[in-house]
Amino acid sequence: MKYLVSFITLVCFASIIYGFNIQEENLPLSHKFIGSGTLGLFLVAMPLFLFTYSKGKKMKDYMLTDENVRKMRGEEPKKTNNQ
Protein backbone atom coordinates (compact mmCIF):
# COMPACT_ATOMS: atom_id res chain seq x y z
CA MET A 1 0.00 0.00 0.00
CA LYS A 2 2.86 2.38 0.75
CA TYR A 3 4.16 1.89 -2.80
CA LEU A 4 0.75 2.87 -4.17
CA VAL A 5 0.72 6.03 -2.06
CA SER A 6 4.27 6.85 -3.20
CA PHE A 7 3.36 6.25 -6.85
CA ILE A 8 0.27 8.46 -6.66
CA THR A 9 2.27 11.21 -4.95
CA LEU A 10 4.97 11.08 -7.62
CA VAL A 11 2.39 11.17 -10.42
CA CYS A 12 0.67 14.17 -8.83
CA PHE A 13 3.94 16.07 -8.43
CA ALA A 14 4.89 15.21 -12.01
CA SER A 15 1.54 16.53 -13.21
CA ILE A 16 2.02 19.80 -11.33
CA ILE A 17 5.57 20.24 -12.65
CA TYR A 18 4.45 19.43 -16.21
CA GLY A 19 1.65 21.97 -15.88
CA PHE A 20 4.12 24.67 -14.92
CA ASN A 21 6.43 23.69 -17.79
CA ILE A 22 3.76 23.99 -20.51
CA GLN A 23 2.29 27.19 -19.11
CA GLU A 24 3.79 29.31 -21.91
CA GLU A 25 2.39 27.24 -24.79
CA ASN A 26 -1.06 26.18 -23.60
CA LEU A 27 -2.43 28.01 -20.56
CA PRO A 28 -5.82 26.24 -20.17
CA LEU A 29 -4.21 22.79 -20.39
CA SER A 30 -1.52 23.77 -17.89
CA HIS A 31 -4.19 24.84 -15.39
CA LYS A 32 -5.86 21.44 -15.79
CA PHE A 33 -2.61 19.58 -15.08
CA ILE A 34 -1.80 21.74 -12.06
CA GLY A 35 -5.35 21.45 -10.68
CA SER A 36 -5.61 17.71 -11.20
CA GLY A 37 -2.22 17.17 -9.57
CA THR A 38 -3.27 19.23 -6.56
CA LEU A 39 -6.61 17.44 -6.26
CA GLY A 40 -4.87 14.09 -6.53
CA LEU A 41 -2.51 15.00 -3.71
CA PHE A 42 -5.16 16.24 -1.32
CA LEU A 43 -8.14 14.06 -2.18
CA VAL A 44 -6.43 10.76 -3.01
CA ALA A 45 -2.84 10.56 -1.76
CA MET A 46 -3.29 12.23 1.63
CA PRO A 47 -6.33 10.15 2.76
CA LEU A 48 -4.60 6.95 1.58
CA PHE A 49 -1.46 7.94 3.49
CA LEU A 50 -3.41 8.72 6.66
CA PHE A 51 -5.41 5.50 6.41
CA THR A 52 -2.28 3.40 5.82
CA TYR A 53 -0.11 4.79 8.58
CA SER A 54 -2.75 5.29 11.27
CA LYS A 55 -3.88 1.65 11.40
CA GLY A 56 -3.77 0.26 14.93
CA LYS A 57 -3.17 3.63 16.57
CA LYS A 58 -5.38 4.87 19.36
CA MET A 59 -6.81 8.30 18.62
CA LYS A 60 -7.14 8.94 22.37
CA ASP A 61 -3.34 9.08 22.64
CA TYR A 62 -3.22 12.03 20.22
CA MET A 63 -6.09 14.06 21.69
CA LEU A 64 -5.57 16.83 24.21
CA THR A 65 -7.60 15.54 27.16
CA ASP A 66 -7.32 16.45 30.83
CA GLU A 67 -5.53 13.17 31.53
CA ASN A 68 -2.95 13.75 28.78
CA VAL A 69 -2.33 17.33 29.93
CA ARG A 70 -1.61 16.04 33.43
CA LYS A 71 0.81 13.45 32.01
CA MET A 72 2.66 16.17 30.06
CA ARG A 73 2.96 18.32 33.19
CA GLY A 74 4.18 15.39 35.24
CA GLU A 75 1.33 15.60 37.74
CA GLU A 76 -0.32 12.65 39.41
CA PRO A 77 -3.63 11.48 37.95
CA LYS A 78 -6.65 12.99 39.67
CA LYS A 79 -8.28 10.60 42.15
CA THR A 80 -12.07 10.53 42.39
CA ASN A 81 -14.04 9.96 45.59
CA ASN A 82 -15.17 6.45 44.69
CA GLN A 83 -11.65 4.99 44.42
C-alpha atoms as a PDB file:
ATOM      1  CA  MET A   1       0.000   0.000   0.000  1.00  0.00           C
ATOM      2  CA  LYS A   2       2.858   2.376   0.746  1.00  0.00           C
ATOM      3  CA  TYR A   3       4.157   1.885  -2.805  1.00  0.00           C
ATOM      4  CA  LEU A   4       0.754   2.866  -4.172  1.00  0.00           C
ATOM      5  CA  VAL A   5       0.722   6.031  -2.062  1.00  0.00           C
ATOM      6  CA  SER A   6       4.270   6.846  -3.203  1.00  0.00           C
ATOM      7  CA  PHE A   7       3.360   6.245  -6.847  1.00  0.00           C
ATOM      8  CA  ILE A   8       0.267   8.460  -6.655  1.00  0.00           C
ATOM      9  CA  THR A   9       2.270  11.208  -4.948  1.00  0.00           C
ATOM     10  CA  LEU A  10       4.968  11.084  -7.616  1.00  0.00           C
ATOM     11  CA  VAL A  11       2.393  11.168 -10.420  1.00  0.00           C
ATOM     12  CA  CYS A  12       0.674  14.168  -8.832  1.00  0.00           C
ATOM     13  CA  PHE A  13       3.941  16.068  -8.432  1.00  0.00           C
ATOM     14  CA  ALA A  14       4.886  15.206 -12.008  1.00  0.00           C
ATOM     15  CA  SER A  15       1.541  16.531 -13.208  1.00  0.00           C
ATOM     16  CA  ILE A  16       2.022  19.796 -11.325  1.00  0.00           C
ATOM     17  CA  ILE A  17       5.565  20.237 -12.649  1.00  0.00           C
ATOM     18  CA  TYR A  18       4.452  19.426 -16.206  1.00  0.00           C
ATOM     19  CA  GLY A  19       1.648  21.966 -15.880  1.00  0.00           C
ATOM     20  CA  PHE A  20       4.118  24.669 -14.916  1.00  0.00           C
ATOM     21  CA  ASN A  21       6.427  23.693 -17.787  1.00  0.00           C
ATOM     22  CA  ILE A  22       3.763  23.991 -20.511  1.00  0.00           C
ATOM     23  CA  GLN A  23       2.292  27.195 -19.114  1.00  0.00           C
ATOM     24  CA  GLU A  24       3.794  29.314 -21.910  1.00  0.00           C
ATOM     25  CA  GLU A  25       2.391  27.241 -24.793  1.00  0.00           C
ATOM     26  CA  ASN A  26      -1.055  26.181 -23.601  1.00  0.00           C
ATOM     27  CA  LEU A  27      -2.425  28.012 -20.563  1.00  0.00           C
ATOM     28  CA  PRO A  28      -5.821  26.235 -20.167  1.00  0.00           C
ATOM     29  CA  LEU A  29      -4.205  22.791 -20.395  1.00  0.00           C
ATOM     30  CA  SER A  30      -1.516  23.766 -17.890  1.00  0.00           C
ATOM     31  CA  HIS A  31      -4.189  24.840 -15.394  1.00  0.00           C
ATOM     32  CA  LYS A  32      -5.862  21.444 -15.791  1.00  0.00           C
ATOM     33  CA  PHE A  33      -2.615  19.584 -15.077  1.00  0.00           C
ATOM     34  CA  ILE A  34      -1.805  21.743 -12.056  1.00  0.00           C
ATOM     35  CA  GLY A  35      -5.346  21.446 -10.684  1.00  0.00           C
ATOM     36  CA  SER A  36      -5.605  17.709 -11.197  1.00  0.00           C
ATOM     37  CA  GLY A  37      -2.220  17.167  -9.567  1.00  0.00           C
ATOM     38  CA  THR A  38      -3.274  19.234  -6.564  1.00  0.00           C
ATOM     39  CA  LEU A  39      -6.608  17.441  -6.257  1.00  0.00           C
ATOM     40  CA  GLY A  40      -4.869  14.091  -6.533  1.00  0.00           C
ATOM     41  CA  LEU A  41      -2.512  15.001  -3.712  1.00  0.00           C
ATOM     42  CA  PHE A  42      -5.158  16.239  -1.320  1.00  0.00           C
ATOM     43  CA  LEU A  43      -8.140  14.060  -2.180  1.00  0.00           C
ATOM     44  CA  VAL A  44      -6.430  10.755  -3.014  1.00  0.00           C
ATOM     45  CA  ALA A  45      -2.845  10.558  -1.762  1.00  0.00           C
ATOM     46  CA  MET A  46      -3.294  12.231   1.630  1.00  0.00           C
ATOM     47  CA  PRO A  47      -6.326  10.155   2.761  1.00  0.00           C
ATOM     48  CA  LEU A  48      -4.603   6.951   1.583  1.00  0.00           C
ATOM     49  CA  PHE A  49      -1.459   7.941   3.488  1.00  0.00           C
ATOM     50  CA  LEU A  50      -3.411   8.720   6.662  1.00  0.00           C
ATOM     51  CA  PHE A  51      -5.409   5.497   6.410  1.00  0.00           C
ATOM     52  CA  THR A  52      -2.281   3.398   5.816  1.00  0.00           C
ATOM     53  CA  TYR A  53      -0.108   4.793   8.575  1.00  0.00           C
ATOM     54  CA  SER A  54      -2.747   5.286  11.268  1.00  0.00           C
ATOM     55  CA  LYS A  55      -3.881   1.646  11.403  1.00  0.00           C
ATOM     56  CA  GLY A  56      -3.771   0.255  14.931  1.00  0.00           C
ATOM     57  CA  LYS A  57      -3.167   3.629  16.566  1.00  0.00           C
ATOM     58  CA  LYS A  58      -5.384   4.875  19.362  1.00  0.00           C
ATOM     59  CA  MET A  59      -6.809   8.305  18.624  1.00  0.00           C
ATOM     60  CA  LYS A  60      -7.145   8.943  22.371  1.00  0.00           C
ATOM     61  CA  ASP A  61      -3.342   9.082  22.642  1.00  0.00           C
ATOM     62  CA  TYR A  62      -3.225  12.027  20.225  1.00  0.00           C
ATOM     63  CA  MET A  63      -6.095  14.055  21.685  1.00  0.00           C
ATOM     64  CA  LEU A  64      -5.570  16.829  24.214  1.00  0.00           C
ATOM     65  CA  THR A  65      -7.598  15.538  27.158  1.00  0.00           C
ATOM     66  CA  ASP A  66      -7.324  16.454  30.828  1.00  0.00           C
ATOM     67  CA  GLU A  67      -5.532  13.171  31.530  1.00  0.00           C
ATOM     68  CA  ASN A  68      -2.948  13.751  28.777  1.00  0.00           C
ATOM     69  CA  VAL A  69      -2.331  17.332  29.934  1.00  0.00           C
ATOM     70  CA  ARG A  70      -1.612  16.043  33.433  1.00  0.00           C
ATOM     71  CA  LYS A  71       0.814  13.451  32.006  1.00  0.00           C
ATOM     72  CA  MET A  72       2.663  16.171  30.063  1.00  0.00           C
ATOM     73  CA  ARG A  73       2.962  18.325  33.192  1.00  0.00           C
ATOM     74  CA  GLY A  74       4.182  15.387  35.242  1.00  0.00           C
ATOM     75  CA  GLU A  75       1.330  15.605  37.745  1.00  0.00           C
ATOM     76  CA  GLU A  76      -0.318  12.649  39.414  1.00  0.00           C
ATOM     77  CA  PRO A  77      -3.634  11.481  37.951  1.00  0.00           C
ATOM     78  CA  LYS A  78      -6.645  12.986  39.673  1.00  0.00           C
ATOM     79  CA  LYS A  79      -8.282  10.598  42.148  1.00  0.00           C
ATOM     80  CA  THR A  80     -12.072  10.527  42.394  1.00  0.00           C
ATOM     81  CA  ASN A  81     -14.042   9.956  45.587  1.00  0.00           C
ATOM     82  CA  ASN A  82     -15.170   6.450  44.693  1.00  0.00           C
ATOM     83  CA  GLN A  83     -11.648   4.988  44.418  1.00  0.00           C
END
